[in-house]
Structures are given as structure tokens and as C-alpha cells.
Amino acid sequence: MTTTQAPPTGQSPQEEQSRTGQTPLKGQTPRFDGDVDPERVPEEYRLARAFVPKARYLSQEFLDLELEKLFKRSWLMACRVEELHGVGSFVEYEIGSHSILVVREAKNSIRAYFNACRHRGTRLTRGRGRVGSIICPFHGWRWNLDGSIRLVLDREEFVERSDDDLGLVSVQVGVWGGFVFINMDPHAMPLLDYLDPIVRIFEPFQLENMRIRWTKEVVLECNWKTALDGFLEAYHVAGTHPQLHRLDKGNTNILSLKEMENRRWAPTTTYERHAHYSSIGEKNPDGVKDPTDRLTEGLQDERLSVGLSVQYIFDDMRGLENDRSWRAAEQLKTADVPDGVPAGRYFLELYKQLCISEGYEWNDITPEQWGEAGTAWNVFPNTIVLPNQGSALVYRARPYLNDPNKCTFEVFALDQIPIADYDKKHEVNPEFYEDYREADLGVVFSQDLMNAKEVTVGMHSPSYDGHRLSEHQEMTIYNMHRVADRYLWTD
């Protein structure tokens, strides 16, 4: 099983390129050595400069290619480690028509298998639960948790086959940051190599010390990539979430021109495989993301700007912040902040003292580490991670069966737990909703998900041929398609 040991930290983008060959690109349409020759891609799916054809979202043929050549050959986040607490615990991971059984074989070992009986192909188990052995519900064949055959009823009546030949077919498994990944390609590169440079960059955030606070899955009437696209850039915030720029968070009317001019700018950075965007405040391409720097335009009390912003995210999204950061924000609003100390920096100190006093591990994250981590990462192909101190949000989108106009979209809210609870069982109760409006996801998520169907309707219009993307703020979207071409158009 892959360990969570990360490569050394503190490398610059130039050193990163030297170590991995991955050059982070900013402010341009990305191209990397080894990218597919555009002439190999059928014209209706061919990328152009900052342009993505709509057929890559709407075509049944293209989805079939993704299910066969992309999802079967890339590392996919299947579940969290805490969902597999005891020996025999399992989670079924489905993507399109593929079903994978992820199971804790032993205390320190997680295995994954194609979820199909070696007798007549029956799906062995569904959903999640805990078993002593894996039993086919049709004819009762049984396998041990390590995938070896345990029982073939009336075996003497069958053509002789070895135990190895009757064992469950394994799928590659890797663990990083408390996430369990699977890969159906037996020749795939190791997980940590695939994730590079994310492993090093995320190390300060200690995702492995977090657990699922809540997780919800909804069905959306859009392509799986459309669901992700709305979370791969912050260019949409001014139009979709105007309240995030205001002290009065109840005001969801469209931003004024002045407010739009003072919005946060969110450039994207693309690597050989993954990409991220970072909200950095003023429109300065060399800016560094710093949690002590929050917009306070027109406000006389900086403490309120920081405190109310933290509390709004927790109260509405119930993720990315936690009860400790909420309480620290409440203290900040009336705190005696020393002269010359930004309110955001003082908030982090209050938050730190709360965490330490209540038994939580604390890691001081430097502005340079915040800047390199950015705001949200696309973990290619279908996962997004938003890191924060003590909390994180994770999004995952998957095709709904074989329908290019439908997908399932999941949100995982992760929170750090006290050191004393690291080895304790953590209950996970996922929720599923056919209609996102019934999921109680709050205003911000609802604003995002409302766009999904409208984008899909618009893409079906004969007047629309594809996405025209900002080369500064939307290259995460382009990058996902660029990398996908390596899987789709190579043998």
C-alpha cells in the first residue's frame, strides 16, 4: 500500500521543474513536452488556443472514450481512509459502468478488486459495509479479503482451474493525505509520482489528520466536466456569488461596476498534469496568497471584515472553516489588535491558540506555502481539493451511468480532529439526493449548481461551438482537457 511520505519541501518552481520536469505555467495556454499532436485528435474534439469544443461535453462517443481510455488508466479518488476503519470494511466505487470494490484486507492494508464474480460476473457487493469474506449473492462462491478463492460450491463439476485463476482481479491502490485512490491500469505509474507536485505542496495542511464531517452526493443535469468547471476558476465569483465581496452577505444582487473593479483576481497555474487557481487580492500576477490579507475596501473595522467572512463560509457552506475558526473569528470582532498587526494575522493567532488548547496539532503555514498551495486544485481528472488550515473541501464528479448530459457531484467537508482521536473509529454517513435543491447545501453551493443545467442548455444551442477561456483565470479548465488528450488519443 502506498505510504503518505512526501518529497522534500521548500522547492521553488524552478527547482520543481529540475526535479520533476514539470514547469508551472501562468497566464498562457499550456503546452508540455509529450502532449498529443493536435492532428491526431478528430476535428470536432480538437483543442485550439484557449478554446474547448462543445462536443467534448455533449458527444456520446466522447464519453464512451473517457470511460474506456481515461478513467480506466488514471488514478481516481475512491474514498477516504476513515471509511475503511475496521478489517473487512468496504466501499464500492462506481464510475460509469465500472464498479470497483475497495476493502480493508488487514489493519495496515487496503486492497481493491473489480467487483465481479469469477463465475458468472455477478456484482459481489454494493454500497458500503463490513464483511468477514466476500460472498457472491447469486451462487455463494466466496473469497478471502486478500482476493484468494475460499469456496467454489461443487467445484468438482467445473473444468479444473487453479486457485490463482479463480482469485479476484486486483486493481492498483494508493493512499495519500487520507485519500484512497484506485487505478484500473496494472501498468500505471505510482500514485505519488502521478500526484506530483501536489504531495509536497499539500504537506503543510496535514490532510491525513482530517476526517469527513459530512458528505453529500447529488445528481446534476450536466456533463461531469461541466460540474467541475464551475469550481476550477474564481472568475465566476463576481457574477455568481456577489455576496462574497460584501460585508452584507445577505445581498446576492449583481455587483456594481465599482465592486467588480475591486474583486479578487484569481490567476491559474498549470503543471504537467494538475492545475490550480489562487485568489490573491489585487490584480498583481506576482502576488502571493496570504490568509492575513483580506479585502477591506470601504470598511472602517478590519476585524469585522475578517471575522464575518470566516463565519459566513462556516455558516453557509459548513466547510472550509470549522467551529474553532468560527469562535476565533468571534473573538477577533472585539479583540484589542496591536497597532500594525493585520486583523487576518491576529485571527490566525487566536485560531492557533484555540486549536492547541483543545488538543489539535498545529502547523504554521508560511505565506509562501499558502501562495504555492493556491485556493483550489484540480487533481486530474475528476477531483478538486480546497486546502485550508484545519479544514478542507473536496469535490468529485462522475458520469451518471453512460449519459453525457448527466453526472453525480459530491462534496466532502473535511475537518482536523484532536490528536487523541487519530486512531478512533470515525462514523461516515453519506447523503444522496436526486435533486440538489433538497440537499441543504447553502447559498454558495446552490448558486454554483444552479449554473450547471443552464450551461448545458446553452451548449446545446446551434449558436454555441465551444468554451472561449481566459488565458489568465480559466486555464485549469483547458489543462484538464489537454491532459485528457494524452489518454484518449494514445495507445
Protein backbone atom coordinates (compact mmCIF):
# COMPACT_ATOMS: atom_id res chain seq x y z
CA MET A 1 0.00 0.00 0.00
CA THR A 2 1.36 3.44 -0.93
CA THR A 3 2.51 5.46 2.04
CA THR A 4 1.89 9.14 2.72
CA GLN A 5 5.57 10.09 2.88
CA ALA A 6 6.05 13.32 0.91
CA PRO A 7 9.10 14.51 -1.03
CA PRO A 8 11.22 17.30 0.49
CA THR A 9 9.55 20.70 0.89
CA GLY A 10 10.62 24.23 0.15
CA GLN A 11 11.44 23.92 -3.56
CA SER A 12 10.93 26.83 -5.91
CA PRO A 13 9.07 26.40 -9.22
CA GLN A 14 12.48 26.29 -10.94
CA GLU A 15 13.70 23.56 -8.56
CA GLU A 16 10.40 21.75 -9.05
CA GLN A 17 10.99 21.75 -12.78
CA SER A 18 14.50 20.41 -12.23
CA ARG A 19 13.22 17.59 -10.01
CA THR A 20 10.16 16.54 -11.97
CA GLY A 21 10.35 18.08 -15.41
CA GLN A 22 7.06 19.83 -14.68
CA THR A 23 7.05 23.54 -15.48
CA PRO A 24 4.27 25.51 -13.81
CA LEU A 25 2.75 27.85 -16.38
CA LYS A 26 0.91 31.07 -15.64
CA GLY A 27 -1.06 33.34 -17.93
CA GLN A 28 -0.89 31.33 -21.15
CA THR A 29 -2.49 28.38 -22.89
CA PRO A 30 -0.44 25.44 -21.54
CA ARG A 31 1.66 23.08 -23.63
CA PHE A 32 4.11 20.49 -22.32
CA ASP A 33 6.58 18.07 -23.86
CA GLY A 34 4.77 14.86 -24.61
CA ASP A 35 1.41 16.47 -25.36
CA VAL A 36 -0.60 14.86 -28.14
CA ASP A 37 -0.14 16.19 -31.67
CA PRO A 38 -3.42 18.06 -32.35
CA GLU A 39 -3.62 16.43 -35.77
CA ARG A 40 -4.22 13.09 -34.04
CA VAL A 41 -7.42 14.42 -32.44
CA PRO A 42 -10.62 14.38 -34.54
CA GLU A 43 -11.50 17.92 -35.59
CA GLU A 44 -14.74 18.10 -33.61
CA TYR A 45 -12.78 17.40 -30.39
CA ARG A 46 -9.60 19.34 -31.21
CA LEU A 47 -8.42 21.99 -28.78
CA ALA A 48 -7.29 25.39 -30.03
CA ARG A 49 -5.71 28.29 -28.20
CA ALA A 50 -7.85 28.84 -25.07
CA PHE A 51 -10.72 27.07 -26.85
CA VAL A 52 -12.52 23.82 -25.94
CA PRO A 53 -15.10 22.44 -28.44
CA LYS A 54 -18.53 21.71 -27.01
CA ALA A 55 -18.54 18.18 -28.48
CA ARG A 56 -16.15 17.15 -25.70
CA TYR A 57 -19.07 17.71 -23.32
CA LEU A 58 -22.09 16.64 -25.36
CA SER A 59 -20.94 13.71 -27.51
CA GLN A 60 -21.87 10.16 -26.54
CA GLU A 61 -18.82 8.93 -28.44
CA PHE A 62 -16.54 11.18 -26.40
CA LEU A 63 -17.97 9.97 -23.07
CA ASP A 64 -17.52 6.36 -24.21
CA LEU A 65 -13.87 7.15 -24.92
CA GLU A 66 -13.45 8.73 -21.48
CA LEU A 67 -14.92 5.71 -19.73
CA GLU A 68 -12.74 3.29 -21.67
CA LYS A 69 -9.43 5.15 -22.02
CA LEU A 70 -9.34 7.95 -19.43
CA PHE A 71 -10.98 6.60 -16.29
CA LYS A 72 -9.51 3.13 -16.71
CA ARG A 73 -5.95 4.50 -16.91
CA SER A 74 -5.81 7.36 -14.40
CA TRP A 75 -5.69 7.45 -10.59
CA LEU A 76 -9.16 8.11 -9.17
CA MET A 77 -10.02 9.18 -5.64
CA ALA A 78 -12.27 6.36 -4.43
CA CYS A 79 -12.87 7.14 -0.74
CA ARG A 80 -11.27 8.29 2.50
CA VAL A 81 -9.27 6.00 4.80
CA GLU A 82 -11.73 6.64 7.65
CA GLU A 83 -14.45 4.98 5.58
CA LEU A 84 -12.47 1.72 5.92
CA HIS A 85 -11.84 1.70 9.65
CA GLY A 86 -12.07 -1.99 10.57
CA VAL A 87 -10.81 -5.12 8.83
CA GLY A 88 -13.46 -6.18 6.30
CA SER A 89 -14.83 -2.65 5.83
CA PHE A 90 -15.56 -1.94 2.17
CA VAL A 91 -16.69 0.83 -0.15
CA GLU A 92 -17.95 0.32 -3.68
CA TYR A 93 -16.58 2.88 -6.15
CA GLU A 94 -18.59 3.29 -9.34
CA ILE A 95 -17.72 5.34 -12.39
CA GLY A 96 -19.91 4.91 -15.46
CA SER A 97 -20.36 1.17 -15.91
CA HIS A 98 -17.23 0.32 -13.90
CA SER A 99 -17.57 -0.97 -10.32
CA ILE A 100 -14.57 -1.36 -8.01
CA LEU A 101 -14.63 -2.94 -4.54
CA VAL A 102 -12.25 -1.23 -2.09
CA VAL A 103 -11.73 -3.22 1.11
CA ARG A 104 -9.54 -3.14 4.21
CA GLU A 105 -7.84 -6.52 4.00
CA ALA A 106 -5.84 -6.10 7.20
CA LYS A 107 -5.09 -3.42 9.77
CA ASN A 108 -2.39 -1.85 7.59
CA SER A 109 -3.50 -2.99 4.15
CA ILE A 110 -6.19 -1.77 1.74
CA ARG A 111 -6.95 -3.75 -1.42
CA ALA A 112 -9.22 -3.16 -4.41
CA TYR A 113 -10.80 -5.57 -6.88
CA PHE A 114 -13.01 -5.47 -9.93
CA ASN A 115 -16.42 -6.00 -8.35
CA ALA A 116 -17.37 -9.07 -10.39
CA CYS A 117 -17.77 -12.77 -9.57
CA ARG A 118 -15.32 -15.05 -11.43
CA HIS A 119 -18.22 -17.47 -12.05
CA ARG A 120 -20.85 -15.52 -13.99
CA GLY A 121 -19.93 -11.89 -13.45
CA THR A 122 -22.42 -11.02 -10.70
CA ARG A 123 -21.65 -7.81 -8.79
CA LEU A 124 -20.34 -9.09 -5.48
CA THR A 125 -21.49 -6.31 -3.17
CA ARG A 126 -22.93 -2.80 -3.27
CA GLY A 127 -22.58 0.43 -1.35
CA ARG A 128 -20.56 0.11 1.84
CA GLY A 129 -20.41 -2.11 4.89
CA ARG A 130 -18.25 -4.70 6.61
CA VAL A 131 -17.77 -8.41 5.83
CA GLY A 132 -15.71 -11.36 7.00
CA SER A 133 -15.33 -12.68 3.48
CA ILE A 134 -16.57 -11.66 0.02
CA ILE A 135 -19.59 -13.74 -0.99
CA CYS A 136 -21.36 -13.81 -4.35
CA PRO A 137 -25.10 -13.28 -3.73
CA PHE A 138 -26.01 -15.48 -6.73
CA HIS A 139 -24.35 -18.88 -6.19
CA GLY A 140 -22.45 -18.38 -2.94
CA TRP A 141 -18.87 -18.50 -4.22
CA ARG A 142 -16.59 -16.98 -1.57
CA TRP A 143 -13.28 -15.13 -1.49
CA ASN A 144 -10.99 -14.15 1.36
CA LEU A 145 -10.33 -10.46 1.90
CA ASP A 146 -6.97 -10.84 0.15
CA GLY A 147 -8.87 -11.88 -3.01
CA SER A 148 -7.95 -15.57 -2.87
CA ILE A 149 -10.69 -18.09 -3.59
CA ARG A 150 -12.25 -19.66 -0.49
CA LEU A 151 -15.18 -21.71 -1.76
CA VAL A 152 -16.48 -22.94 -5.11
CA LEU A 153 -19.67 -24.88 -4.47
CA ASP A 154 -19.46 -28.33 -6.14
CA ARG A 155 -16.05 -27.45 -7.55
CA GLU A 156 -15.55 -30.97 -8.92
CA GLU A 157 -18.23 -30.28 -11.53
CA PHE A 158 -16.24 -27.46 -13.20
CA VAL A 159 -13.34 -27.54 -15.63
CA GLU A 160 -10.24 -27.61 -13.44
CA ARG A 161 -8.81 -24.14 -12.78
CA SER A 162 -6.10 -23.08 -10.36
CA ASP A 163 -6.82 -21.06 -7.26
CA ASP A 164 -4.81 -18.20 -8.77
CA ASP A 165 -7.03 -18.25 -11.84
CA LEU A 166 -10.16 -18.05 -9.68
CA GLY A 167 -8.94 -15.22 -7.44
CA LEU A 168 -10.46 -11.77 -7.65
CA VAL A 169 -8.73 -9.49 -10.14
CA SER A 170 -6.87 -6.75 -8.30
CA VAL A 171 -6.91 -3.04 -9.04
CA GLN A 172 -4.00 -0.81 -8.03
CA VAL A 173 -4.46 1.06 -4.74
CA GLY A 174 -2.60 4.03 -3.29
CA VAL A 175 -3.09 6.22 -0.23
CA TRP A 176 -2.14 9.86 0.16
CA GLY A 177 -3.36 12.51 2.60
CA GLY A 178 -6.06 10.20 3.97
CA PHE A 179 -7.48 9.60 0.47
CA VAL A 180 -7.67 6.14 -1.11
CA PHE A 181 -7.02 6.14 -4.86
CA ILE A 182 -7.54 3.31 -7.34
CA ASN A 183 -6.24 2.70 -10.84
CA MET A 184 -7.56 0.02 -13.18
CA ASP A 185 -4.37 0.05 -15.27
CA PRO A 186 -1.90 -2.56 -13.91
CA HIS A 187 0.96 -0.66 -15.59
CA ALA A 188 0.12 2.78 -14.19
CA MET A 189 2.85 4.91 -12.60
CA PRO A 190 2.98 5.01 -8.77
CA LEU A 191 0.39 7.26 -7.15
CA LEU A 192 2.84 9.72 -5.58
CA ASP A 193 4.58 10.23 -8.94
CA TYR A 194 1.20 10.79 -10.57
CA LEU A 195 0.18 13.38 -7.95
CA ASP A 196 3.44 15.34 -8.12
CA PRO A 197 3.81 18.21 -7.16
CA ILE A 198 0.64 18.10 -5.04
CA VAL A 199 2.09 15.80 -2.37
CA ARG A 200 4.87 18.25 -1.48
CA ILE A 201 2.73 21.38 -1.75
CA PHE A 202 -0.10 19.99 0.42
CA GLU A 203 2.14 18.59 3.13
CA PRO A 204 1.75 21.62 5.49
CA PHE A 205 -2.05 21.22 5.50
CA GLN A 206 -1.98 17.74 7.08
CA LEU A 207 -4.98 16.33 5.20
CA GLU A 208 -4.24 12.92 6.71
CA ASN A 209 -5.21 14.33 10.13
CA MET A 210 -8.66 15.35 8.87
CA ARG A 211 -11.85 13.30 8.81
CA ILE A 212 -15.14 13.64 6.93
CA ARG A 213 -17.53 15.95 8.77
CA TRP A 214 -20.22 15.44 6.15
CA THR A 215 -20.50 14.27 2.55
CA LYS A 216 -23.38 14.74 0.12
CA GLU A 217 -23.93 13.45 -3.41
CA VAL A 218 -26.38 14.99 -5.87
CA VAL A 219 -27.44 14.28 -9.45
CA LEU A 220 -26.91 17.17 -11.88
CA GLU A 221 -28.24 17.62 -15.39
CA CYS A 222 -24.87 18.32 -16.97
CA ASN A 223 -21.71 16.60 -18.14
CA TRP A 224 -19.30 15.59 -15.37
CA LYS A 225 -16.77 18.13 -16.66
CA THR A 226 -19.32 20.95 -16.55
CA ALA A 227 -19.89 20.20 -12.86
CA LEU A 228 -16.15 20.51 -12.21
CA ASP A 229 -15.60 23.55 -14.43
CA GLY A 230 -17.68 25.73 -12.10
CA PHE A 231 -15.19 25.04 -9.31
CA LEU A 232 -11.97 25.21 -11.33
CA GLU A 233 -11.84 29.01 -11.51
CA ALA A 234 -12.84 32.03 -9.46
CA TYR A 235 -13.57 34.22 -12.48
CA HIS A 236 -17.26 33.42 -11.93
CA VAL A 237 -17.41 34.73 -8.36
CA ALA A 238 -18.36 38.29 -9.29
CA GLY A 239 -21.31 37.11 -11.37
CA THR A 240 -22.42 34.08 -9.36
CA HIS A 241 -21.50 34.94 -5.75
CA PRO A 242 -21.63 38.77 -5.45
CA GLN A 243 -22.26 38.50 -1.71
CA LEU A 244 -18.74 37.15 -1.14
CA HIS A 245 -17.40 40.64 -1.93
CA ARG A 246 -19.71 42.35 0.57
CA LEU A 247 -19.85 42.79 4.31
CA ASP A 248 -23.64 42.30 3.99
CA LYS A 249 -23.58 38.63 2.98
CA GLY A 250 -27.35 38.58 2.57
CA ASN A 251 -27.11 40.77 -0.54
CA THR A 252 -26.98 38.43 -3.53
CA ASN A 253 -27.72 41.09 -6.17
CA ILE A 254 -25.25 41.54 -9.02
CA LEU A 255 -22.10 43.51 -8.25
CA SER A 256 -21.79 47.15 -9.22
CA LEU A 257 -19.00 48.17 -11.60
CA LYS A 258 -17.00 49.58 -8.70
CA GLU A 259 -17.35 46.37 -6.75
CA MET A 260 -16.26 44.35 -9.78
CA GLU A 261 -13.16 46.51 -10.15
CA ASN A 262 -12.21 45.72 -6.54
CA ARG A 263 -12.83 41.98 -6.75
CA ARG A 264 -10.18 39.40 -6.08
CA TRP A 265 -8.17 38.35 -9.12
CA ALA A 266 -7.62 34.60 -9.44
CA PRO A 267 -4.89 33.55 -11.89
CA THR A 268 -4.45 29.87 -12.73
CA THR A 269 -1.24 27.85 -12.70
CA THR A 270 -0.91 24.68 -14.74
CA TYR A 271 1.53 21.83 -14.30
CA GLU A 272 2.25 18.81 -16.46
CA ARG A 273 -0.84 17.06 -15.13
CA HIS A 274 -2.65 19.06 -12.44
CA ALA A 275 -3.58 22.74 -12.11
CA HIS A 276 -4.81 25.27 -9.56
CA TYR A 277 -6.11 28.79 -9.18
CA SER A 278 -5.29 31.22 -6.42
CA SER A 279 -7.31 34.22 -5.25
CA ILE A 280 -4.57 36.72 -4.46
CA GLY A 281 -6.33 40.06 -3.90
CA GLU A 282 -5.16 42.96 -6.04
CA LYS A 283 -4.55 42.33 -9.72
CA ASN A 284 -0.86 41.58 -9.42
CA PRO A 285 0.40 38.49 -11.29
CA ASP A 286 3.31 38.24 -8.85
CA GLY A 287 1.04 38.39 -5.79
CA VAL A 288 1.27 35.80 -3.03
CA LYS A 289 -1.83 34.40 -1.40
CA ASP A 290 -1.77 35.36 2.28
CA PRO A 291 -4.64 34.48 4.67
CA THR A 292 -3.85 37.66 6.64
CA ASP A 293 -4.71 39.75 3.54
CA ARG A 294 -8.48 40.03 3.14
CA LEU A 295 -10.47 42.65 1.25
CA THR A 296 -11.49 45.53 3.50
CA GLU A 297 -12.41 48.10 0.85
CA GLY A 298 -14.60 50.83 2.37
CA LEU A 299 -14.67 49.28 5.84
CA GLN A 300 -13.57 51.11 8.95
CA ASP A 301 -13.18 48.00 11.10
CA GLU A 302 -10.91 45.40 9.55
CA ARG A 303 -11.75 42.96 12.36
CA LEU A 304 -15.34 42.74 11.15
CA SER A 305 -14.31 42.09 7.57
CA VAL A 306 -12.14 39.13 8.54
CA GLY A 307 -14.40 37.78 11.28
CA LEU A 308 -17.65 37.95 9.32
CA SER A 309 -16.05 36.45 6.21
CA VAL A 310 -14.84 33.40 8.14
CA GLN A 311 -18.19 32.99 9.86
CA TYR A 312 -20.17 33.34 6.64
CA ILE A 313 -18.24 30.50 4.98
CA PHE A 314 -18.79 28.25 8.01
CA ASP A 315 -22.46 29.14 8.47
CA ASP A 316 -23.39 28.86 4.77
CA MET A 317 -21.06 26.19 3.34
CA ARG A 318 -20.40 24.30 6.60
CA GLY A 319 -16.95 23.56 5.27
CA LEU A 320 -13.51 25.09 4.64
CA GLU A 321 -13.87 26.66 8.08
CA ASN A 322 -14.77 24.91 11.35
CA ASP A 323 -16.21 25.63 14.76
CA ARG A 324 -12.80 26.62 16.11
CA SER A 325 -12.11 29.12 13.34
CA TRP A 326 -15.68 30.44 13.81
CA ARG A 327 -15.04 31.00 17.53
CA ALA A 328 -11.68 32.64 16.80
CA ALA A 329 -13.46 34.95 14.35
CA GLU A 330 -15.98 35.84 17.06
CA GLN A 331 -13.15 36.73 19.45
CA LEU A 332 -11.48 38.81 16.74
CA LYS A 333 -14.50 41.08 16.29
CA THR A 334 -13.93 42.67 19.72
CA ALA A 335 -10.22 41.93 20.18
CA ASP A 336 -7.63 44.58 21.02
CA VAL A 337 -5.48 44.10 17.92
CA PRO A 338 -1.98 45.61 18.31
CA ASP A 339 -1.14 48.51 16.01
CA GLY A 340 0.43 47.42 12.76
CA VAL A 341 -0.80 43.82 13.01
CA PRO A 342 -3.26 42.85 10.23
CA ALA A 343 -6.57 41.53 11.51
CA GLY A 344 -6.10 38.39 9.46
CA ARG A 345 -2.79 37.63 11.12
CA TYR A 346 -4.26 38.22 14.57
CA PHE A 347 -7.16 35.93 13.69
CA LEU A 348 -4.71 33.12 12.85
CA GLU A 349 -3.04 33.59 16.24
CA LEU A 350 -6.39 33.37 18.05
CA TYR A 351 -7.28 30.31 15.99
CA LYS A 352 -3.92 28.71 16.73
CA GLN A 353 -4.27 29.16 20.49
CA LEU A 354 -7.78 27.68 20.44
CA CYS A 355 -6.61 24.63 18.50
CA ILE A 356 -3.59 23.94 20.68
CA SER A 357 -5.56 24.40 23.91
CA GLU A 358 -8.16 21.88 22.70
CA GLY A 359 -5.69 19.18 21.70
CA TYR A 360 -5.27 19.77 17.97
CA GLU A 361 -1.98 19.60 16.13
CA TRP A 362 -0.98 22.96 14.63
CA ASN A 363 1.42 23.57 11.78
CA ASP A 364 2.47 27.15 10.98
CA ILE A 365 2.00 27.65 7.23
CA THR A 366 4.14 30.35 5.66
CA PRO A 367 2.77 32.90 3.15
CA GLU A 368 4.99 31.25 0.52
CA GLN A 369 3.39 27.87 1.24
CA TRP A 370 -0.08 29.42 1.10
CA GLY A 371 0.83 31.02 -2.21
CA GLU A 372 2.07 27.79 -3.75
CA ALA A 373 -0.97 25.87 -2.50
CA GLY A 374 -3.38 28.37 -4.01
CA THR A 375 -7.12 28.23 -3.50
CA ALA A 376 -8.28 25.08 -5.33
CA TRP A 377 -6.52 22.24 -7.14
CA ASN A 378 -7.78 20.03 -9.94
CA VAL A 379 -6.41 16.60 -9.05
CA PHE A 380 -6.65 15.19 -12.55
CA PRO A 381 -9.05 14.05 -13.75
CA ASN A 382 -12.17 14.47 -11.63
CA THR A 383 -11.37 15.71 -8.12
CA ILE A 384 -10.91 19.21 -6.70
CA VAL A 385 -9.32 19.96 -3.32
CA LEU A 386 -9.53 23.30 -1.49
CA PRO A 387 -7.00 23.30 1.37
CA ASN A 388 -7.26 25.44 4.49
CA GLN A 389 -5.77 25.43 7.97
CA GLY A 390 -7.61 22.66 9.85
CA SER A 391 -10.30 22.14 7.18
CA ALA A 392 -10.71 21.33 3.51
CA LEU A 393 -13.41 20.94 0.90
CA VAL A 394 -13.23 18.19 -1.73
CA TYR A 395 -15.37 17.93 -4.85
CA ARG A 396 -15.73 14.89 -7.09
CA ALA A 397 -17.73 14.48 -10.30
CA ARG A 398 -18.51 11.24 -12.13
CA PRO A 399 -20.55 10.37 -15.22
CA TYR A 400 -24.04 9.19 -14.36
CA LEU A 401 -24.13 5.72 -15.95
CA ASN A 402 -23.46 6.40 -19.64
CA ASP A 403 -25.26 9.74 -20.06
CA PRO A 404 -23.12 12.68 -21.32
CA ASN A 405 -25.76 15.14 -20.07
CA LYS A 406 -25.92 13.85 -16.50
CA CYS A 407 -23.49 13.31 -13.64
CA THR A 408 -23.19 12.81 -9.92
CA PHE A 409 -21.43 15.54 -7.96
CA GLU A 410 -20.14 15.05 -4.42
CA VAL A 411 -18.93 17.40 -1.71
CA PHE A 412 -16.75 16.20 1.16
CA ALA A 413 -16.25 18.58 4.10
CA LEU A 414 -13.11 17.57 6.00
CA ASP A 415 -12.08 18.78 9.47
CA GLN A 416 -8.98 18.15 11.52
CA ILE A 417 -9.58 16.01 14.61
CA PRO A 418 -7.85 16.10 18.02
CA ILE A 419 -4.59 14.20 18.30
CA ALA A 420 -6.17 11.86 20.87
CA ASP A 421 -8.76 10.73 18.27
CA TYR A 422 -6.41 9.78 15.42
CA ASP A 423 -6.88 6.03 15.91
CA LYS A 424 -10.55 6.07 16.90
CA LYS A 425 -13.34 4.92 14.63
CA HIS A 426 -14.98 7.78 12.76
CA GLU A 427 -18.54 7.35 11.55
CA VAL A 428 -19.25 8.46 7.98
CA ASN A 429 -22.87 8.86 6.87
CA PRO A 430 -23.02 9.89 3.20
CA GLU A 431 -26.22 11.50 1.95
CA PHE A 432 -27.64 11.16 -1.57
CA TYR A 433 -30.15 13.46 -3.30
CA GLU A 434 -31.64 13.22 -6.76
CA ASP A 435 -32.24 16.99 -6.64
CA TYR A 436 -29.52 19.28 -5.28
CA ARG A 437 -32.20 21.71 -4.05
CA GLU A 438 -33.20 19.15 -1.42
CA ALA A 439 -29.63 18.69 -0.14
CA ASP A 440 -29.45 21.81 2.08
CA LEU A 441 -26.09 22.85 0.64
CA GLY A 442 -26.40 26.55 1.43
CA VAL A 443 -26.50 29.63 -0.78
CA VAL A 444 -22.98 29.46 -2.27
CA PHE A 445 -23.17 25.83 -3.43
CA SER A 446 -26.73 26.31 -4.69
CA GLN A 447 -25.62 29.30 -6.77
CA ASP A 448 -22.91 27.15 -8.35
CA LEU A 449 -25.09 24.12 -9.02
CA MET A 450 -27.86 26.26 -10.46
CA ASN A 451 -25.48 27.18 -13.28
CA ALA A 452 -24.85 23.56 -14.29
CA LYS A 453 -28.09 22.95 -16.20
CA GLU A 454 -28.09 26.45 -17.71
CA VAL A 455 -24.60 25.89 -19.13
CA THR A 456 -25.75 22.56 -20.58
CA VAL A 457 -28.84 24.09 -22.22
CA GLY A 458 -26.69 26.83 -23.72
CA MET A 459 -24.10 24.41 -25.06
CA HIS A 460 -26.81 22.56 -27.00
CA SER A 461 -27.64 25.77 -28.88
CA PRO A 462 -26.51 25.78 -32.56
CA SER A 463 -25.13 29.27 -31.89
CA TYR A 464 -22.51 27.89 -29.48
CA ASP A 465 -19.44 25.99 -30.61
CA GLY A 466 -17.25 25.84 -27.52
CA HIS A 467 -15.65 27.47 -24.48
CA ARG A 468 -13.55 30.60 -25.04
CA LEU A 469 -11.39 30.79 -21.95
CA SER A 470 -9.39 33.46 -20.17
CA GLU A 471 -5.69 32.68 -20.52
CA HIS A 472 -5.12 34.02 -17.02
CA GLN A 473 -8.10 32.85 -14.98
CA GLU A 474 -9.55 29.74 -16.66
CA MET A 475 -6.59 27.63 -17.74
CA THR A 476 -7.38 24.97 -15.15
CA ILE A 477 -10.31 24.02 -17.41
CA TYR A 478 -8.18 23.92 -20.54
CA ASN A 479 -5.45 21.98 -18.77
CA MET A 480 -7.80 19.16 -17.80
CA HIS A 481 -8.71 18.69 -21.48
CA ARG A 482 -5.08 18.95 -22.60
CA VAL A 483 -4.03 16.18 -20.20
CA ALA A 484 -7.06 14.05 -21.11
CA ASP A 485 -5.92 14.02 -24.74
CA ARG A 486 -2.82 12.08 -23.68
CA TYR A 487 -5.07 9.25 -22.52
CA LEU A 488 -7.70 9.46 -25.25
CA TRP A 489 -5.51 9.62 -28.35
CA THR A 490 -2.54 7.41 -27.44
CA ASP A 491 -2.38 3.63 -27.27
